[in-house]
C-alpha atoms as a PDB file:
ATOM      1  CA  MET A   1       0.066  -0.024  -0.146  1.00  0.00           C
ATOM      2  CA  ALA A   2       2.704   2.360   0.921  1.00  0.00           C
ATOM      3  CA  SER A   3       4.675   1.728  -2.581  1.00  0.00           C
ATOM      4  CA  GLU A   4       1.219   2.209  -4.321  1.00  0.00           C
ATOM      5  CA  ALA A   5       0.871   5.794  -2.441  1.00  0.00           C
ATOM      6  CA  ALA A   6       4.548   6.711  -3.469  1.00  0.00           C
ATOM      7  CA  VAL A   7       3.943   5.688  -6.873  1.00  0.00           C
ATOM      8  CA  ALA A   8       0.564   7.758  -6.918  1.00  0.00           C
ATOM      9  CA  GLU A   9       2.366  10.716  -5.513  1.00  0.00           C
ATOM     10  CA  ARG A  10       5.229  10.687  -8.083  1.00  0.00           C
ATOM     11  CA  HIS A  11       2.668  10.555 -10.911  1.00  0.00           C
ATOM     12  CA  ALA A  12       0.530  13.358  -9.572  1.00  0.00           C
ATOM     13  CA  THR A  13       0.178  16.552 -11.301  1.00  0.00           C
ATOM     14  CA  PRO A  14       1.461  19.671  -9.351  1.00  0.00           C
ATOM     15  CA  ALA A  15      -2.149  20.861  -8.992  1.00  0.00           C
ATOM     16  CA  GLN A  16      -3.068  17.934  -7.169  1.00  0.00           C
ATOM     17  CA  ILE A  17       0.068  18.138  -4.724  1.00  0.00           C
ATOM     18  CA  VAL A  18      -0.495  21.983  -3.842  1.00  0.00           C
ATOM     19  CA  PRO A  19      -3.201  22.326  -1.252  1.00  0.00           C
ATOM     20  CA  TRP A  20      -6.423  24.226  -2.405  1.00  0.00           C
ATOM     21  CA  TRP A  21      -6.090  27.079  -0.070  1.00  0.00           C
ATOM     22  CA  GLU A  22      -2.463  27.705  -1.579  1.00  0.00           C
ATOM     23  CA  ARG A  23      -4.053  27.391  -5.252  1.00  0.00           C
ATOM     24  CA  ASN A  24      -6.467  29.951  -4.464  1.00  0.00           C
ATOM     25  CA  LEU A  25      -4.355  32.146  -2.303  1.00  0.00           C
ATOM     26  CA  ALA A  26      -4.999  35.195  -4.620  1.00  0.00           C
ATOM     27  CA  TRP A  27      -8.819  34.881  -4.191  1.00  0.00           C
ATOM     28  CA  LEU A  28      -8.500  34.631  -0.282  1.00  0.00           C
ATOM     29  CA  LEU A  29      -6.546  37.458   0.169  1.00  0.00           C
ATOM     30  CA  VAL A  30      -8.873  39.634  -1.699  1.00  0.00           C
ATOM     31  CA  ALA A  31     -11.945  37.981  -0.226  1.00  0.00           C
ATOM     32  CA  PRO A  32     -12.405  40.194   2.933  1.00  0.00           C
ATOM     33  CA  MET A  33     -12.534  43.203   0.743  1.00  0.00           C
ATOM     34  CA  ILE A  34     -15.028  41.592  -1.832  1.00  0.00           C
ATOM     35  CA  VAL A  35     -17.306  40.729   1.033  1.00  0.00           C
ATOM     36  CA  MET A  36     -17.121  44.278   2.309  1.00  0.00           C
ATOM     37  CA  PHE A  37     -17.569  45.883  -0.991  1.00  0.00           C
ATOM     38  CA  VAL A  38     -20.743  43.597  -1.502  1.00  0.00           C
ATOM     39  CA  VAL A  39     -22.046  44.202   1.941  1.00  0.00           C
ATOM     40  CA  PHE A  40     -21.331  48.074   2.226  1.00  0.00           C
ATOM     41  CA  ALA A  41     -21.256  49.187  -1.231  1.00  0.00           C
ATOM     42  CA  LEU A  42     -23.026  47.038  -3.621  1.00  0.00           C
ATOM     43  CA  LEU A  43     -26.076  46.096  -1.785  1.00  0.00           C
ATOM     44  CA  PRO A  44     -26.890  49.478  -0.452  1.00  0.00           C
ATOM     45  CA  SER A  45     -26.593  50.833  -4.010  1.00  0.00           C
ATOM     46  CA  LEU A  46     -28.849  48.329  -5.337  1.00  0.00           C
ATOM     47  CA  THR A  47     -31.370  49.046  -2.764  1.00  0.00           C
ATOM     48  CA  ALA A  48     -31.208  52.499  -3.314  1.00  0.00           C
ATOM     49  CA  ILE A  49     -31.877  52.370  -6.858  1.00  0.00           C
ATOM     50  CA  LEU A  50     -34.816  50.261  -6.064  1.00  0.00           C
ATOM     51  CA  PHE A  51     -36.303  52.609  -3.720  1.00  0.00           C
ATOM     52  CA  ALA A  52     -35.728  55.276  -6.230  1.00  0.00           C
ATOM     53  CA  PHE A  53     -38.467  53.790  -8.525  1.00  0.00           C
ATOM     54  CA  SER A  54     -40.611  53.008  -5.547  1.00  0.00           C
ATOM     55  CA  HIS A  55     -42.935  54.778  -2.930  1.00  0.00           C
ATOM     56  CA  ILE A  56     -41.896  53.769   0.359  1.00  0.00           C
ATOM     57  CA  LYS A  57     -44.580  53.653   3.358  1.00  0.00           C
ATOM     58  CA  LEU A  58     -43.377  52.884   6.800  1.00  0.00           C
ATOM     59  CA  THR A  59     -46.070  51.018   8.823  1.00  0.00           C
ATOM     60  CA  ARG A  60     -46.425  49.380  12.194  1.00  0.00           C
ATOM     61  CA  GLY A  61     -45.971  45.861  10.211  1.00  0.00           C
ATOM     62  CA  GLY A  62     -42.812  47.356   8.632  1.00  0.00           C
ATOM     63  CA  MET A  63     -42.381  48.906   5.330  1.00  0.00           C
ATOM     64  CA  GLN A  64     -44.452  48.893   2.315  1.00  0.00           C
ATOM     65  CA  ARG A  65     -42.581  49.433  -1.159  1.00  0.00           C
ATOM     66  CA  THR A  66     -45.052  50.335  -4.249  1.00  0.00           C
ATOM     67  CA  PHE A  67     -43.243  50.551  -7.828  1.00  0.00           C
ATOM     68  CA  ILE A  68     -44.124  54.057  -9.364  1.00  0.00           C
ATOM     69  CA  GLY A  69     -41.561  54.220 -12.217  1.00  0.00           C
ATOM     70  CA  VAL A  70     -39.892  57.339 -12.696  1.00  0.00           C
ATOM     71  CA  ASP A  71     -42.289  59.577 -10.771  1.00  0.00           C
ATOM     72  CA  ASN A  72     -39.673  60.322  -8.208  1.00  0.00           C
ATOM     73  CA  PHE A  73     -37.412  61.417 -10.740  1.00  0.00           C
ATOM     74  CA  GLN A  74     -39.952  63.701 -12.447  1.00  0.00           C
ATOM     75  CA  ARG A  75     -40.766  65.205  -8.979  1.00  0.00           C
ATOM     76  CA  ALA A  76     -37.200  65.999  -8.282  1.00  0.00           C
ATOM     77  CA  LEU A  77     -36.717  67.682 -11.807  1.00  0.00           C
ATOM     78  CA  GLU A  78     -39.619  69.904 -11.218  1.00  0.00           C
ATOM     79  CA  ASP A  79     -38.953  70.443  -7.457  1.00  0.00           C
ATOM     80  CA  PRO A  80     -37.651  74.162  -6.717  1.00  0.00           C
ATOM     81  CA  ILE A  81     -35.562  73.236  -3.465  1.00  0.00           C
ATOM     82  CA  VAL A  82     -33.691  70.362  -5.475  1.00  0.00           C
ATOM     83  CA  ARG A  83     -32.827  72.813  -8.250  1.00  0.00           C
ATOM     84  CA  GLN A  84     -31.651  75.476  -5.609  1.00  0.00           C
ATOM     85  CA  SER A  85     -29.834  73.081  -3.652  1.00  0.00           C
ATOM     86  CA  ALA A  86     -28.267  71.834  -7.140  1.00  0.00           C
ATOM     87  CA  GLY A  87     -27.211  75.332  -7.583  1.00  0.00           C
ATOM     88  CA  ILE A  88     -25.779  75.935  -4.103  1.00  0.00           C
ATOM     89  CA  THR A  89     -23.699  72.728  -3.991  1.00  0.00           C
ATOM     90  CA  LEU A  90     -22.225  73.921  -7.740  1.00  0.00           C
ATOM     91  CA  LYS A  91     -21.436  77.284  -6.030  1.00  0.00           C
ATOM     92  CA  TRP A  92     -19.783  75.584  -3.155  1.00  0.00           C
ATOM     93  CA  ALA A  93     -17.651  73.291  -5.207  1.00  0.00           C
ATOM     94  CA  LEU A  94     -16.526  75.818  -7.453  1.00  0.00           C
ATOM     95  CA  VAL A  95     -15.661  78.544  -5.046  1.00  0.00           C
ATOM     96  CA  VAL A  96     -14.126  76.263  -2.449  1.00  0.00           C
ATOM     97  CA  THR A  97     -12.084  74.304  -4.530  1.00  0.00           C
ATOM     98  CA  THR A  98     -10.868  77.332  -6.352  1.00  0.00           C
ATOM     99  CA  VAL A  99      -9.511  79.074  -3.271  1.00  0.00           C
ATOM    100  CA  GLU A 100      -8.227  75.805  -1.872  1.00  0.00           C
ATOM    101  CA  ILE A 101      -6.096  75.257  -4.789  1.00  0.00           C
ATOM    102  CA  LEU A 102      -4.713  78.965  -5.066  1.00  0.00           C
ATOM    103  CA  LEU A 103      -4.052  78.942  -1.271  1.00  0.00           C
ATOM    104  CA  GLY A 104      -2.498  75.299  -1.430  1.00  0.00           C
ATOM    105  CA  LEU A 105      -0.436  76.183  -4.852  1.00  0.00           C
ATOM    106  CA  GLY A 106       0.633  79.460  -2.867  1.00  0.00           C
ATOM    107  CA  LEU A 107       1.784  77.910   0.568  1.00  0.00           C
ATOM    108  CA  ALA A 108       3.421  75.020  -1.496  1.00  0.00           C
ATOM    109  CA  LEU A 109       5.712  77.406  -3.491  1.00  0.00           C
ATOM    110  CA  LEU A 110       6.331  79.625  -0.623  1.00  0.00           C
ATOM    111  CA  LEU A 111       7.835  76.477   1.370  1.00  0.00           C
ATOM    112  CA  ALA A 112       9.566  74.753  -1.458  1.00  0.00           C
ATOM    113  CA  HIS A 113      11.966  77.850  -1.994  1.00  0.00           C
ATOM    114  CA  GLY A 114      13.635  77.358   1.402  1.00  0.00           C
ATOM    115  CA  VAL A 115      11.739  79.061   3.848  1.00  0.00           C
ATOM    116  CA  ARG A 116      12.984  78.695   7.496  1.00  0.00           C
ATOM    117  CA  GLY A 117      11.194  76.451   9.714  1.00  0.00           C
ATOM    118  CA  ARG A 118       9.361  74.596   6.924  1.00  0.00           C
ATOM    119  CA  GLY A 119       9.155  71.503   8.541  1.00  0.00           C
ATOM    120  CA  VAL A 120       7.277  73.398  11.436  1.00  0.00           C
ATOM    121  CA  PHE A 121       4.949  75.273   9.199  1.00  0.00           C
ATOM    122  CA  THR A 122       4.285  71.663   7.502  1.00  0.00           C
ATOM    123  CA  SER A 123       3.497  69.974  10.406  1.00  0.00           C
ATOM    124  CA  LEU A 124       1.253  72.832  11.778  1.00  0.00           C
ATOM    125  CA  LEU A 125      -0.587  72.693   8.237  1.00  0.00           C
ATOM    126  CA  ILE A 126      -1.330  69.257   8.582  1.00  0.00           C
ATOM    127  CA  ILE A 127      -3.491  69.582  12.065  1.00  0.00           C
ATOM    128  CA  PRO A 128      -6.676  70.594  10.086  1.00  0.00           C
ATOM    129  CA  ILE A 129      -6.796  67.510   8.245  1.00  0.00           C
ATOM    130  CA  ILE A 130      -6.543  65.168  11.047  1.00  0.00           C
ATOM    131  CA  MET A 131      -9.354  67.028  13.031  1.00  0.00           C
ATOM    132  CA  PRO A 132     -12.617  65.388  12.484  1.00  0.00           C
ATOM    133  CA  PRO A 133     -15.084  67.450  10.555  1.00  0.00           C
ATOM    134  CA  VAL A 134     -17.841  67.732  13.185  1.00  0.00           C
ATOM    135  CA  ALA A 135     -15.208  68.798  15.680  1.00  0.00           C
ATOM    136  CA  VAL A 136     -14.149  71.376  13.324  1.00  0.00           C
ATOM    137  CA  SER A 137     -17.588  72.534  12.685  1.00  0.00           C
ATOM    138  CA  LEU A 138     -18.399  73.022  16.412  1.00  0.00           C
ATOM    139  CA  MET A 139     -15.078  74.872  16.831  1.00  0.00           C
ATOM    140  CA  TRP A 140     -16.088  77.561  14.229  1.00  0.00           C
ATOM    141  CA  PHE A 141     -19.695  77.402  15.085  1.00  0.00           C
ATOM    142  CA  PHE A 142     -18.513  79.060  18.687  1.00  0.00           C
ATOM    143  CA  MET A 143     -16.176  81.090  17.072  1.00  0.00           C
ATOM    144  CA  TYR A 144     -18.829  82.654  14.903  1.00  0.00           C
ATOM    145  CA  GLU A 145     -21.243  83.296  17.768  1.00  0.00           C
ATOM    146  CA  PRO A 146     -22.355  86.676  17.564  1.00  0.00           C
ATOM    147  CA  ASN A 147     -22.365  87.592  21.296  1.00  0.00           C
ATOM    148  CA  PHE A 148     -19.200  85.801  22.920  1.00  0.00           C
ATOM    149  CA  GLY A 149     -17.420  84.217  19.586  1.00  0.00           C
ATOM    150  CA  VAL A 150     -13.777  85.183  19.295  1.00  0.00           C
ATOM    151  CA  ILE A 151     -14.261  86.576  15.651  1.00  0.00           C
ATOM    152  CA  ASN A 152     -16.554  89.095  16.704  1.00  0.00           C
ATOM    153  CA  TYR A 153     -14.557  90.110  19.620  1.00  0.00           C
ATOM    154  CA  LEU A 154     -11.368  90.748  17.533  1.00  0.00           C
ATOM    155  CA  LEU A 155     -13.614  92.820  15.360  1.00  0.00           C
ATOM    156  CA  ASN A 156     -14.819  94.815  18.036  1.00  0.00           C
ATOM    157  CA  GLN A 157     -11.538  95.707  19.521  1.00  0.00           C
ATOM    158  CA  VAL A 158     -10.661  97.183  16.099  1.00  0.00           C
ATOM    159  CA  GLY A 159     -13.622  99.184  16.139  1.00  0.00           C
ATOM    160  CA  LEU A 160     -15.839  97.248  13.814  1.00  0.00           C
ATOM    161  CA  PRO A 161     -19.245  95.899  14.306  1.00  0.00           C
ATOM    162  CA  SER A 162     -20.179  92.272  15.152  1.00  0.00           C
ATOM    163  CA  VAL A 163     -21.413  90.283  12.345  1.00  0.00           C
ATOM    164  CA  LEU A 164     -24.183  87.714  12.536  1.00  0.00           C
ATOM    165  CA  TRP A 165     -21.813  85.280  10.635  1.00  0.00           C
ATOM    166  CA  LEU A 166     -24.527  82.235  10.654  1.00  0.00           C
ATOM    167  CA  SER A 167     -27.625  84.063  10.793  1.00  0.00           C
ATOM    168  CA  ASP A 168     -27.418  86.364   7.846  1.00  0.00           C
ATOM    169  CA  PRO A 169     -28.457  84.414   4.751  1.00  0.00           C
ATOM    170  CA  ASN A 170     -26.220  86.508   2.554  1.00  0.00           C
ATOM    171  CA  ILE A 171     -23.096  85.567   4.898  1.00  0.00           C
ATOM    172  CA  ALA A 172     -23.846  82.307   6.218  1.00  0.00           C
ATOM    173  CA  LEU A 173     -22.989  80.352   3.087  1.00  0.00           C
ATOM    174  CA  TYR A 174     -19.514  82.147   2.776  1.00  0.00           C
ATOM    175  CA  ALA A 175     -19.048  81.652   6.383  1.00  0.00           C
ATOM    176  CA  MET A 176     -19.174  77.953   6.304  1.00  0.00           C
ATOM    177  CA  MET A 177     -16.850  77.883   2.912  1.00  0.00           C
ATOM    178  CA  ALA A 178     -14.266  79.572   4.966  1.00  0.00           C
ATOM    179  CA  VAL A 179     -14.448  76.673   7.461  1.00  0.00           C
ATOM    180  CA  ASP A 180     -14.106  74.066   4.636  1.00  0.00           C
ATOM    181  CA  VAL A 181     -11.264  76.113   3.115  1.00  0.00           C
ATOM    182  CA  TRP A 182      -9.599  76.090   6.291  1.00  0.00           C
ATOM    183  CA  GLN A 183      -9.608  72.549   6.693  1.00  0.00           C
ATOM    184  CA  ALA A 184      -9.093  71.117   3.167  1.00  0.00           C
ATOM    185  CA  THR A 185      -6.536  73.843   2.134  1.00  0.00           C
ATOM    186  CA  PRO A 186      -3.658  71.692   3.606  1.00  0.00           C
ATOM    187  CA  PHE A 187      -4.750  68.480   1.380  1.00  0.00           C
ATOM    188  CA  ALA A 188      -4.108  70.528  -1.495  1.00  0.00           C
ATOM    189  CA  PHE A 189      -0.951  72.051  -0.198  1.00  0.00           C
ATOM    190  CA  LEU A 190       0.405  68.579   0.760  1.00  0.00           C
ATOM    191  CA  LEU A 191       0.006  67.134  -2.726  1.00  0.00           C
ATOM    192  CA  LEU A 192       1.403  70.138  -4.592  1.00  0.00           C
ATOM    193  CA  TYR A 193       4.430  70.661  -2.126  1.00  0.00           C
ATOM    194  CA  ALA A 194       5.263  66.858  -2.820  1.00  0.00           C
ATOM    195  CA  ALA A 195       4.816  67.426  -6.401  1.00  0.00           C
ATOM    196  CA  ILE A 196       7.064  70.524  -6.647  1.00  0.00           C
ATOM    197  CA  LEU A 197       9.712  69.079  -4.385  1.00  0.00           C
ATOM    198  CA  SER A 198       9.894  66.042  -7.150  1.00  0.00           C
ATOM    199  CA  LEU A 199      10.196  68.450 -10.288  1.00  0.00           C
ATOM    200  CA  PRO A 200      13.488  67.830 -12.040  1.00  0.00           C
ATOM    201  CA  ARG A 201      15.968  70.593 -11.594  1.00  0.00           C
ATOM    202  CA  ASP A 202      17.281  70.810 -15.134  1.00  0.00           C
ATOM    203  CA  PRO A 203      14.770  73.112 -16.251  1.00  0.00           C
ATOM    204  CA  TYR A 204      15.094  75.423 -13.701  1.00  0.00           C
ATOM    205  CA  GLU A 205      18.890  75.668 -14.171  1.00  0.00           C
ATOM    206  CA  ALA A 206      18.497  76.456 -17.712  1.00  0.00           C
ATOM    207  CA  ALA A 207      15.957  79.213 -17.051  1.00  0.00           C
ATOM    208  CA  ALA A 208      18.257  80.791 -14.484  1.00  0.00           C
ATOM    209  CA  ILE A 209      20.900  80.809 -16.787  1.00  0.00           C
ATOM    210  CA  ASP A 210      19.022  82.443 -19.382  1.00  0.00           C
ATOM    211  CA  GLY A 211      17.920  85.122 -16.847  1.00  0.00           C
ATOM    212  CA  ALA A 212      14.631  84.275 -16.538  1.00  0.00           C
ATOM    213  CA  SER A 213      12.252  85.962 -13.694  1.00  0.00           C
ATOM    214  CA  ARG A 214      10.497  83.843 -11.102  1.00  0.00           C
ATOM    215  CA  TRP A 215       7.005  84.665 -12.560  1.00  0.00           C
ATOM    216  CA  HIS A 216       8.455  83.556 -16.208  1.00  0.00           C
ATOM    217  CA  ILE A 217       9.887  80.280 -14.816  1.00  0.00           C
ATOM    218  CA  PHE A 218       6.668  79.529 -12.710  1.00  0.00           C
ATOM    219  CA  ARG A 219       4.752  80.227 -16.047  1.00  0.00           C
ATOM    220  CA  THR A 220       6.545  78.277 -18.238  1.00  0.00           C
ATOM    221  CA  VAL A 221       8.302  75.702 -16.071  1.00  0.00           C
ATOM    222  CA  THR A 222       6.749  75.148 -12.700  1.00  0.00           C
ATOM    223  CA  LEU A 223       3.077  75.249 -13.735  1.00  0.00           C
ATOM    224  CA  PRO A 224       3.269  73.263 -17.119  1.00  0.00           C
ATOM    225  CA  LEU A 225       5.157  70.331 -15.080  1.00  0.00           C
ATOM    226  CA  LEU A 226       2.520  70.662 -12.108  1.00  0.00           C
ATOM    227  CA  LEU A 227      -0.396  70.355 -14.546  1.00  0.00           C
ATOM    228  CA  PRO A 228      -0.961  66.574 -13.947  1.00  0.00           C
ATOM    229  CA  VAL A 229      -0.794  66.480 -10.233  1.00  0.00           C
ATOM    230  CA  LEU A 230      -3.095  69.939 -10.317  1.00  0.00           C
ATOM    231  CA  GLY A 231      -5.567  68.251 -12.302  1.00  0.00           C
ATOM    232  CA  VAL A 232      -5.683  65.145 -10.004  1.00  0.00           C
ATOM    233  CA  VAL A 233      -6.149  67.808  -6.732  1.00  0.00           C
ATOM    234  CA  VAL A 234      -8.913  69.764  -8.677  1.00  0.00           C
ATOM    235  CA  LEU A 235     -10.782  66.397  -9.444  1.00  0.00           C
ATOM    236  CA  LEU A 236     -10.491  65.072  -5.820  1.00  0.00           C
ATOM    237  CA  ARG A 237     -11.498  68.559  -4.383  1.00  0.00           C
ATOM    238  CA  LEU A 238     -14.484  69.050  -6.476  1.00  0.00           C
ATOM    239  CA  ILE A 239     -15.895  65.756  -6.054  1.00  0.00           C
ATOM    240  CA  ASP A 240     -15.269  65.816  -2.212  1.00  0.00           C
ATOM    241  CA  ALA A 241     -16.765  69.624  -1.886  1.00  0.00           C
ATOM    242  CA  ALA A 242     -19.712  68.471  -3.818  1.00  0.00           C
ATOM    243  CA  ARG A 243     -20.613  66.060  -1.373  1.00  0.00           C
ATOM    244  CA  VAL A 244     -20.448  68.364   1.633  1.00  0.00           C
ATOM    245  CA  PHE A 245     -22.966  67.719   4.454  1.00  0.00           C
ATOM    246  CA  ASP A 246     -21.358  67.452   8.037  1.00  0.00           C
ATOM    247  CA  LYS A 247     -20.336  71.189   8.202  1.00  0.00           C
ATOM    248  CA  ILE A 248     -23.500  72.698   7.096  1.00  0.00           C
ATOM    249  CA  PHE A 249     -25.685  70.216   9.240  1.00  0.00           C
ATOM    250  CA  VAL A 250     -23.698  70.917  12.487  1.00  0.00           C
ATOM    251  CA  MET A 251     -23.423  74.917  11.950  1.00  0.00           C
ATOM    252  CA  THR A 252     -26.733  75.818  10.477  1.00  0.00           C
ATOM    253  CA  ARG A 253     -29.009  72.705   9.432  1.00  0.00           C
ATOM    254  CA  GLY A 254     -29.119  74.408   6.161  1.00  0.00           C
ATOM    255  CA  GLY A 255     -30.173  77.625   7.359  1.00  0.00           C
ATOM    256  CA  PRO A 256     -31.222  80.575   7.582  1.00  0.00           C
ATOM    257  CA  GLY A 257     -34.196  79.256   6.118  1.00  0.00           C
ATOM    258  CA  SER A 258     -33.061  77.070   3.240  1.00  0.00           C
ATOM    259  CA  SER A 259     -30.039  79.262   1.909  1.00  0.00           C
ATOM    260  CA  ALA A 260     -27.375  76.847   2.521  1.00  0.00           C
ATOM    261  CA  TYR A 261     -29.182  73.791   1.304  1.00  0.00           C
ATOM    262  CA  THR A 262     -26.925  71.430  -0.633  1.00  0.00           C
ATOM    263  CA  THR A 263     -27.855  68.551  -2.459  1.00  0.00           C
ATOM    264  CA  THR A 264     -26.641  66.027   0.176  1.00  0.00           C
ATOM    265  CA  LEU A 265     -28.601  68.003   2.844  1.00  0.00           C
ATOM    266  CA  THR A 266     -31.741  67.899   0.965  1.00  0.00           C
ATOM    267  CA  VAL A 267     -31.270  64.229   0.574  1.00  0.00           C
ATOM    268  CA  TYR A 268     -31.049  63.835   4.408  1.00  0.00           C
ATOM    269  CA  VAL A 269     -34.036  65.933   5.091  1.00  0.00           C
ATOM    270  CA  GLU A 270     -36.227  64.061   2.827  1.00  0.00           C
ATOM    271  CA  ALA A 271     -35.222  60.634   4.064  1.00  0.00           C
ATOM    272  CA  PHE A 272     -34.937  61.345   7.884  1.00  0.00           C
ATOM    273  CA  ASN A 273     -37.117  64.356   8.476  1.00  0.00           C
ATOM    274  CA  LYS A 274     -40.106  63.628   5.971  1.00  0.00           C
ATOM    275  CA  TYR A 275     -39.122  59.718   5.854  1.00  0.00           C
ATOM    276  CA  ASP A 276     -39.883  60.021   1.992  1.00  0.00           C
ATOM    277  CA  PHE A 277     -37.016  57.246   1.229  1.00  0.00           C
ATOM    278  CA  GLY A 278     -38.156  56.614  -2.250  1.00  0.00           C
ATOM    279  CA  TYR A 279     -37.676  60.409  -3.265  1.00  0.00           C
ATOM    280  CA  ALA A 280     -34.334  60.895  -1.448  1.00  0.00           C
ATOM    281  CA  SER A 281     -33.104  57.821  -2.987  1.00  0.00           C
ATOM    282  CA  ALA A 282     -34.007  59.372  -6.451  1.00  0.00           C
ATOM    283  CA  ILE A 283     -32.258  62.592  -5.537  1.00  0.00           C
ATOM    284  CA  SER A 284     -29.188  60.718  -4.355  1.00  0.00           C
ATOM    285  CA  PHE A 285     -29.116  58.620  -7.512  1.00  0.00           C
ATOM    286  CA  MET A 286     -29.427  61.417  -9.798  1.00  0.00           C
ATOM    287  CA  PHE A 287     -26.441  63.333  -7.818  1.00  0.00           C
ATOM    288  CA  GLN A 288     -24.271  60.116  -8.253  1.00  0.00           C
ATOM    289  CA  VAL A 289     -24.966  59.848 -11.849  1.00  0.00           C
ATOM    290  CA  VAL A 290     -24.279  63.758 -12.089  1.00  0.00           C
ATOM    291  CA  LEU A 291     -20.890  62.996 -10.435  1.00  0.00           C
ATOM    292  CA  VAL A 292     -19.835  59.995 -12.390  1.00  0.00           C
ATOM    293  CA  ILE A 293     -20.597  61.664 -15.686  1.00  0.00           C
ATOM    294  CA  PHE A 294     -18.484  64.757 -14.425  1.00  0.00           C
ATOM    295  CA  GLY A 295     -15.749  62.647 -13.484  1.00  0.00           C
ATOM    296  CA  THR A 296     -15.699  60.495 -16.354  1.00  0.00           C
ATOM    297  CA  ILE A 297     -15.592  63.674 -18.822  1.00  0.00           C
ATOM    298  CA  TYR A 298     -13.040  65.486 -16.606  1.00  0.00           C
ATOM    299  CA  VAL A 299     -10.494  62.170 -16.840  1.00  0.00           C
ATOM    300  CA  ARG A 300     -11.150  61.780 -20.514  1.00  0.00           C
ATOM    301  CA  ARG A 301     -10.699  65.363 -21.654  1.00  0.00           C
ATOM    302  CA  VAL A 302      -8.423  67.223 -19.171  1.00  0.00           C
ATOM    303  CA  MET A 303      -6.151  64.239 -17.984  1.00  0.00           C
ATOM    304  CA  ALA A 304      -6.032  62.243 -21.076  1.00  0.00           C
ATOM    305  CA  ASP A 305      -3.036  64.187 -22.455  1.00  0.00           C
ATOM    306  CA  TYR A 306      -1.203  63.517 -19.124  1.00  0.00           C
ATOM    307  CA  SER A 307      -1.918  59.815 -18.937  1.00  0.00           C
ATOM    308  CA  ALA A 308      -1.421  58.707 -22.314  1.00  0.00           C
ATOM    309  CA  PRO A 309       1.950  57.224 -22.891  1.00  0.00           C
ATOM    310  CA  ALA A 310       4.697  59.321 -24.454  1.00  0.00           C
ATOM    311  CA  GLU A 311       5.582  58.756 -28.019  1.00  0.00           C
ATOM    312  CA  SER A 312       8.923  57.360 -28.784  1.00  0.00           C
END
């Protein structure tokens, strides 16, 4: 029997000798990620899409779902609050992204040119990123407080009147934008700062020999070399800014009135204040489709020149 087993082992194929777990090691390693993706991403997304085409009614016996087709989407397109929130979301994303990119690029250029103590400055600039958005929102909420907030106190010390930062509908949205700029600018700074430090030195040496000014060097050397990284930073910040929720929810709940209603806040109100889950899912689905379309067009149009292989 032993000799027969030895003969069988000698004539066995490699696939029969290697244990099954070793043959499927690649799938076993990615299995936890696949399970998490299915449970926390795929199933909720499919459920939300199903809800978007349904009317959801909560009863004592549970949830009743009635298929209504595209009625939720038609209602969303005709809803003035949805159109207003879409405009505010677009305004928020464009303004904060522009300011953050300009400030981040300026800080990156400043620290990259040998400023003393740049290690300390870099460490200090990282602090806003690691702070939780809710904690940041609460901190600025108390700083904006009209009676005992530190910002109005400083204004009064220089003879300026107090400002209703979060109560004036003409100011509240921009005041919350400032909070997002304060927290997210270091993200743009870190990426652009790392990109600047990794740029080749030969073009700068050639420009210095030709006697080019700093502005000319920035416009003709630094900026073209930074465009690929700059394009990625713009895309990431635009998408993240469009999904803003926590700061507005914590500081004003979308107020005063509905002057700071963004798309994500509108989805929250429809789902968890009005319990209209089907309508909220439709708005969320439309918002997601818009982001996917924008991201696809941006990558294909703006980033195509930098992702294409160089011609030999």
